[in-house]
Amino acid sequence: MTKRVPASGITMATRRMTLLGALSLLAPRPVRSEEPVRVVLATATPGGGFPAFGAAFADTIRQADPALIIEPRASGGSAENLGLLQAGSVDLGLVQGEYAYPAFAAAGGVSVLAPMYPTPGLFVVPAASPIRSVADLHRRTVVLGTHKSGLTVMARSALAASGLDPAHDIRPVLLDHAGDGPTLVREGQADALWGGGLDWPGFATMARAPGGARFFGPSDAGIARLAQPGAALKRLTVPAGSFPGQVEPIETVGSWSFILARSGFDGDAAERIVRALGRDGTATTNPKNLIGLVPADRINPATARYLRAAGLVQP
């Protein structure tokens, strides 16, 4: 089944306004006299979607609970964030599904505090480029993402499922900073760029460039191979008009990203974050969206308590 990606549920501006707008209706806010509680959140390299989400997330929690301070910390992305969480070096980390689901299969370790959003993966090229499909990327230079990003894993999967060996059939480029990808394409040093999410800064940069941009997903056969029942990747439809000049919907695959918590982060701070996110019933970050999305035993204890108290799961 194809899941249509709601633009209203994906764009960062909308997410920020939805979360902040809903939380601003909560008056009066509780007055806390204790010292502020600080929670460290690992995000990713500058210029990508995770840092933008981390900043909006911190602002949202601050509006709802001024005594709870989320401190975003730049990192190498999903793979590094998992290591930081497992080592107890950070409290929370943003992790894409390609890394999260294998971690769920391991005994013990991290838990899921809340969902983030579904991330449709797409290739983007300048609108004047002759490249129109994955097959056209053969022997081309393609920016796959940063070294430790879940998006890079998704890019390799999309290429392989569509019939191209990501190590030999293209000239792959890996980045130190996610924000460098659009520049390489616009300056002619790369032919195409892979990214994820309708609000991804790299997509916005490409779409705003002179002449515009063209977006496409894996091949039809590749989508069918990747979006198998139970797989981390799901079939998604990007609605027409999601990007300037996009007149037709785009079929692709994508995965959910999650806010993961280190072992033992399930007390008062966790409960306060979960309550704040649960106040907007339509936001993709609402904890109820975890039901059926991740194994029940991987849901953070604080989140599980919230879901039971709300009558969303059985005691």
Protein backbone atom coordinates (compact mmCIF):
# COMPACT_ATOMS: atom_id res chain seq x y z
CA MET A 1 0.00 0.00 0.00
CA THR A 2 1.29 3.45 -0.89
CA LYS A 3 1.31 6.02 1.87
CA ARG A 4 0.84 9.59 0.75
CA VAL A 5 3.25 11.92 2.46
CA PRO A 6 1.20 14.84 3.85
CA ALA A 7 3.04 18.05 3.09
CA SER A 8 1.48 19.59 6.19
CA GLY A 9 3.00 16.87 8.31
CA ILE A 10 6.46 17.01 6.81
CA THR A 11 7.68 20.56 6.23
CA MET A 12 9.84 21.91 9.02
CA ALA A 13 8.10 25.27 9.05
CA THR A 14 4.74 23.59 9.45
CA ARG A 15 6.03 21.23 12.11
CA ARG A 16 7.47 24.13 14.06
CA MET A 17 4.31 26.23 13.77
CA THR A 18 2.06 23.27 14.57
CA LEU A 19 3.99 22.28 17.64
CA LEU A 20 4.57 25.78 18.93
CA GLY A 21 1.03 26.91 18.08
CA ALA A 22 -0.56 24.01 19.90
CA LEU A 23 1.66 24.37 22.90
CA SER A 24 1.10 28.12 23.14
CA LEU A 25 -2.57 27.41 23.92
CA LEU A 26 -1.59 25.74 27.16
CA ALA A 27 -2.11 28.53 29.68
CA PRO A 28 -1.21 29.08 32.37
CA ARG A 29 2.05 27.18 32.14
CA PRO A 30 3.28 25.45 35.28
CA VAL A 31 5.73 27.48 37.31
CA ARG A 32 8.81 25.50 38.29
CA SER A 33 11.15 26.75 40.97
CA GLU A 34 13.84 24.08 40.61
CA GLU A 35 17.05 24.44 38.65
CA PRO A 36 16.64 23.88 34.91
CA VAL A 37 17.01 20.29 33.73
CA ARG A 38 19.34 19.94 30.74
CA VAL A 39 18.94 17.17 28.20
CA VAL A 40 21.61 16.63 25.54
CA LEU A 41 20.27 15.77 22.06
CA ALA A 42 22.64 14.47 19.35
CA THR A 43 21.59 15.64 15.86
CA ALA A 44 23.92 15.52 12.79
CA THR A 45 26.26 17.63 10.67
CA PRO A 46 25.27 21.25 9.89
CA GLY A 47 23.11 21.76 6.83
CA GLY A 48 21.00 18.63 7.14
CA GLY A 49 17.46 17.98 8.32
CA PHE A 50 18.35 16.63 11.76
CA PRO A 51 19.92 19.88 13.06
CA ALA A 52 16.90 21.84 11.81
CA PHE A 53 14.56 19.42 13.55
CA GLY A 54 16.67 19.52 16.71
CA ALA A 55 16.45 23.30 16.88
CA ALA A 56 12.67 23.26 16.40
CA PHE A 57 12.30 20.46 18.94
CA ALA A 58 14.31 22.39 21.53
CA ASP A 59 12.21 25.52 20.94
CA THR A 60 8.99 23.55 21.26
CA ILE A 61 9.95 21.96 24.57
CA ARG A 62 11.20 25.29 25.90
CA GLN A 63 7.83 26.88 25.12
CA ALA A 64 5.97 24.09 26.91
CA ASP A 65 8.36 23.67 29.84
CA PRO A 66 10.88 26.51 30.35
CA ALA A 67 12.67 24.58 33.10
CA LEU A 68 13.49 21.76 30.68
CA ILE A 69 16.32 22.71 28.33
CA ILE A 70 17.11 20.61 25.26
CA GLU A 71 20.72 21.13 24.15
CA PRO A 72 21.22 20.06 20.50
CA ARG A 73 24.71 18.76 19.80
CA ALA A 74 26.16 18.35 16.30
CA SER A 75 27.32 14.84 15.43
CA GLY A 76 28.11 12.62 12.48
CA GLY A 77 24.47 11.52 12.19
CA SER A 78 22.49 8.37 12.87
CA ALA A 79 25.36 5.87 13.21
CA GLU A 80 27.35 8.07 15.57
CA ASN A 81 24.22 8.97 17.54
CA LEU A 82 23.56 5.30 18.23
CA GLY A 83 27.10 4.91 19.56
CA LEU A 84 26.76 8.00 21.74
CA LEU A 85 23.47 6.70 23.16
CA GLN A 86 24.85 3.24 23.81
CA ALA A 87 27.83 4.79 25.60
CA GLY A 88 25.55 7.06 27.65
CA SER A 89 27.34 10.16 26.30
CA VAL A 90 24.08 11.88 25.33
CA ASP A 91 20.52 11.59 26.61
CA LEU A 92 18.69 11.62 23.28
CA GLY A 93 19.67 11.10 19.67
CA LEU A 94 17.99 11.48 16.30
CA VAL A 95 18.26 8.24 14.34
CA GLN A 96 16.89 7.24 10.95
CA GLY A 97 15.05 3.96 10.50
CA GLU A 98 17.86 2.27 8.53
CA TYR A 99 19.95 2.37 11.70
CA ALA A 100 17.17 2.27 14.28
CA TYR A 101 15.47 -0.97 13.25
CA PRO A 102 18.65 -3.09 13.43
CA ALA A 103 19.29 -1.57 16.86
CA PHE A 104 15.82 -2.63 17.98
CA ALA A 105 16.77 -6.24 17.28
CA ALA A 106 19.72 -6.10 19.69
CA ALA A 107 19.16 -6.98 23.33
CA GLY A 108 18.96 -4.07 25.76
CA GLY A 109 20.27 -0.63 24.89
CA VAL A 110 18.36 2.27 23.41
CA SER A 111 14.61 2.89 23.45
CA VAL A 112 12.26 5.05 21.38
CA LEU A 113 11.05 8.15 23.18
CA ALA A 114 9.02 9.56 20.27
CA PRO A 115 8.70 9.46 16.49
CA MET A 116 10.08 12.27 14.33
CA TYR A 117 8.60 12.09 10.83
CA PRO A 118 8.58 9.91 7.72
CA THR A 119 11.40 10.73 5.33
CA PRO A 120 10.79 10.15 1.60
CA GLY A 121 14.10 9.59 -0.18
CA LEU A 122 14.68 11.29 -3.53
CA PHE A 123 17.35 12.03 -6.08
CA VAL A 124 17.57 15.62 -7.29
CA VAL A 125 19.27 17.08 -10.38
CA PRO A 126 19.18 20.50 -12.05
CA ALA A 127 16.03 20.83 -14.15
CA ALA A 128 18.15 21.20 -17.31
CA SER A 129 19.96 17.90 -16.66
CA PRO A 130 19.30 15.01 -19.08
CA ILE A 131 19.10 12.68 -16.05
CA ARG A 132 15.51 11.60 -15.45
CA SER A 133 15.72 8.24 -13.68
CA VAL A 134 18.05 6.02 -11.67
CA ALA A 135 19.12 4.25 -14.86
CA ASP A 136 20.48 7.57 -16.15
CA LEU A 137 22.82 7.77 -13.14
CA HIS A 138 25.02 5.01 -14.59
CA ARG A 139 28.66 6.20 -14.57
CA ARG A 140 27.56 9.54 -13.14
CA THR A 141 28.88 11.28 -10.02
CA VAL A 142 26.25 11.05 -7.29
CA VAL A 143 26.38 12.63 -3.84
CA LEU A 144 25.00 9.98 -1.49
CA GLY A 145 25.25 11.88 1.81
CA THR A 146 27.56 12.03 4.81
CA HIS A 147 29.68 9.12 6.00
CA LYS A 148 27.47 8.05 8.93
CA SER A 149 24.02 9.17 7.82
CA GLY A 150 21.00 6.91 7.52
CA LEU A 151 20.19 8.75 4.29
CA THR A 152 23.42 7.40 2.79
CA VAL A 153 22.37 3.85 3.64
CA MET A 154 18.98 4.53 2.04
CA ALA A 155 20.68 5.92 -1.09
CA ARG A 156 22.75 2.77 -1.55
CA SER A 157 19.65 0.63 -1.07
CA ALA A 158 17.70 2.68 -3.62
CA LEU A 159 20.46 2.33 -6.22
CA ALA A 160 20.99 -1.39 -5.66
CA ALA A 161 17.26 -2.18 -5.77
CA SER A 162 17.01 -0.19 -9.02
CA GLY A 163 19.79 -2.19 -10.68
CA LEU A 164 22.92 -0.08 -10.05
CA ASP A 165 25.84 -1.16 -7.89
CA PRO A 166 26.44 1.89 -5.67
CA ALA A 167 30.15 1.10 -5.40
CA HIS A 168 30.92 0.47 -9.08
CA ASP A 169 28.12 1.66 -11.41
CA ILE A 170 28.27 5.27 -10.21
CA ARG A 171 30.99 7.56 -8.88
CA PRO A 172 29.83 7.93 -5.27
CA VAL A 173 30.62 11.02 -3.22
CA LEU A 174 30.48 11.02 0.59
CA LEU A 175 30.46 14.29 2.49
CA ASP A 176 31.86 15.58 5.74
CA HIS A 177 29.06 18.16 5.93
CA ALA A 178 25.56 17.56 4.58
CA GLY A 179 25.23 21.16 3.41
CA ASP A 180 28.02 20.74 0.83
CA GLY A 181 26.01 18.51 -1.52
CA PRO A 182 23.98 21.13 -3.40
CA THR A 183 27.11 23.20 -4.05
CA LEU A 184 28.86 20.25 -5.69
CA VAL A 185 25.90 19.72 -8.03
CA ARG A 186 25.40 23.40 -8.82
CA GLU A 187 29.12 23.85 -9.59
CA GLY A 188 29.17 20.82 -11.88
CA GLN A 189 31.36 18.64 -9.64
CA ALA A 190 28.52 16.13 -9.23
CA ASP A 191 25.58 15.15 -11.39
CA ALA A 192 22.96 14.29 -8.78
CA LEU A 193 22.27 14.46 -5.08
CA TRP A 194 20.34 12.09 -2.81
CA GLY A 195 18.42 13.41 0.18
CA GLY A 196 15.33 12.85 2.26
CA GLY A 197 12.34 14.76 3.57
CA LEU A 198 10.30 17.49 1.92
CA ASP A 199 11.87 20.08 4.20
CA TRP A 200 15.44 18.86 3.73
CA PRO A 201 17.68 21.96 3.35
CA GLY A 202 19.57 20.45 0.40
CA PHE A 203 16.35 20.02 -1.56
CA ALA A 204 15.31 23.59 -0.80
CA THR A 205 18.68 24.88 -2.01
CA MET A 206 18.44 22.93 -5.24
CA ALA A 207 14.82 23.94 -5.87
CA ARG A 208 15.63 27.63 -5.39
CA ALA A 209 18.68 27.57 -7.68
CA PRO A 210 18.42 29.31 -11.08
CA GLY A 211 16.59 27.01 -13.48
CA GLY A 212 15.08 24.90 -10.71
CA ALA A 213 15.44 21.20 -10.03
CA ARG A 214 13.96 17.82 -10.92
CA PHE A 215 13.23 15.10 -8.34
CA PHE A 216 12.77 11.35 -8.80
CA GLY A 217 12.73 8.18 -6.73
CA PRO A 218 13.96 4.61 -7.27
CA SER A 219 12.65 2.59 -10.19
CA ASP A 220 9.22 0.97 -9.89
CA ALA A 221 10.90 -2.43 -9.50
CA GLY A 222 13.26 -0.97 -6.91
CA ILE A 223 10.37 0.42 -4.86
CA ALA A 224 8.67 -2.98 -4.91
CA ARG A 225 11.86 -4.71 -3.73
CA LEU A 226 12.50 -2.23 -0.93
CA ALA A 227 8.97 -1.80 0.44
CA GLN A 228 8.43 -5.42 1.46
CA PRO A 229 6.11 -6.15 4.42
CA GLY A 230 7.97 -5.67 7.67
CA ALA A 231 10.86 -3.76 6.05
CA ALA A 232 12.18 -0.50 7.48
CA LEU A 233 11.51 1.25 4.15
CA LYS A 234 7.91 2.01 3.19
CA ARG A 235 6.33 3.02 -0.12
CA LEU A 236 5.58 6.77 -0.05
CA THR A 237 4.02 9.23 -2.49
CA VAL A 238 5.32 12.80 -2.61
CA PRO A 239 2.31 14.95 -3.60
CA ALA A 240 2.46 17.18 -6.67
CA GLY A 241 3.48 20.70 -5.78
CA SER A 242 5.72 19.65 -2.89
CA PHE A 243 8.61 21.34 -4.75
CA PRO A 244 8.55 24.31 -7.15
CA GLY A 245 7.73 23.13 -10.67
CA GLN A 246 6.73 19.61 -9.57
CA VAL A 247 3.47 18.98 -11.42
CA GLU A 248 3.19 15.21 -10.88
CA PRO A 249 3.34 13.11 -7.70
CA ILE A 250 6.55 11.14 -7.18
CA GLU A 251 6.60 7.50 -6.09
CA THR A 252 9.47 6.57 -3.80
CA VAL A 253 10.38 4.88 -0.54
CA GLY A 254 11.21 6.27 2.85
CA SER A 255 11.51 5.50 6.50
CA TRP A 256 10.56 6.97 9.84
CA SER A 257 13.18 8.66 11.96
CA PHE A 258 13.01 8.51 15.74
CA ILE A 259 14.03 10.31 18.91
CA LEU A 260 15.92 7.57 20.74
CA ALA A 261 16.88 7.62 24.41
CA ARG A 262 19.88 6.16 26.23
CA SER A 263 19.40 3.39 28.73
CA GLY A 264 17.96 4.76 31.97
CA PHE A 265 16.53 7.95 30.48
CA ASP A 266 12.94 7.25 31.48
CA GLY A 267 12.23 9.46 34.50
CA ASP A 268 10.80 12.92 35.06
CA ALA A 269 12.56 14.65 32.15
CA ALA A 270 11.44 11.95 29.73
CA GLU A 271 7.86 12.16 30.98
CA ARG A 272 7.80 15.94 30.58
CA ILE A 273 9.04 15.71 26.99
CA VAL A 274 6.50 13.02 26.11
CA ARG A 275 3.62 15.00 27.64
CA ALA A 276 4.62 18.09 25.65
CA LEU A 277 4.74 16.15 22.38
CA GLY A 278 1.45 14.41 23.12
CA ARG A 279 -0.54 17.63 23.34
CA ASP A 280 -0.80 18.01 19.56
CA GLY A 281 -2.83 15.08 18.30
CA THR A 282 -2.01 15.74 14.63
CA ALA A 283 1.77 16.18 14.82
CA THR A 284 4.01 13.42 13.44
CA THR A 285 5.95 13.64 16.72
CA ASN A 286 2.93 12.59 18.79
CA PRO A 287 3.94 9.47 20.81
CA LYS A 288 0.76 7.65 19.70
CA ASN A 289 2.31 7.30 16.22
CA LEU A 290 4.74 4.75 17.65
CA ILE A 291 1.94 2.21 18.07
CA GLY A 292 2.50 -0.50 15.48
CA LEU A 293 5.54 1.33 14.09
CA VAL A 294 8.19 -0.09 16.43
CA PRO A 295 8.31 -3.16 18.68
CA ALA A 296 6.34 -2.52 21.87
CA ASP A 297 9.27 -3.58 24.03
CA ARG A 298 11.43 -0.86 22.46
CA ILE A 299 9.14 2.00 23.44
CA ASN A 300 10.67 4.04 26.27
CA PRO A 301 9.08 3.27 29.68
CA ALA A 302 8.05 6.92 30.11
CA THR A 303 6.37 6.87 26.69
CA ALA A 304 4.69 3.54 27.47
CA ARG A 305 3.31 4.97 30.72
CA TYR A 306 1.92 7.96 28.81
CA LEU A 307 0.26 5.73 26.20
CA ARG A 308 -1.31 3.53 28.87
CA ALA A 309 -2.58 6.53 30.86
CA ALA A 310 -4.11 7.93 27.66
CA GLY A 311 -5.90 4.63 27.05
CA LEU A 312 -4.06 4.10 23.77
CA VAL A 313 -2.55 0.75 24.75
CA GLN A 314 -3.57 -1.97 27.17
CA PRO A 315 -2.14 -1.77 30.72
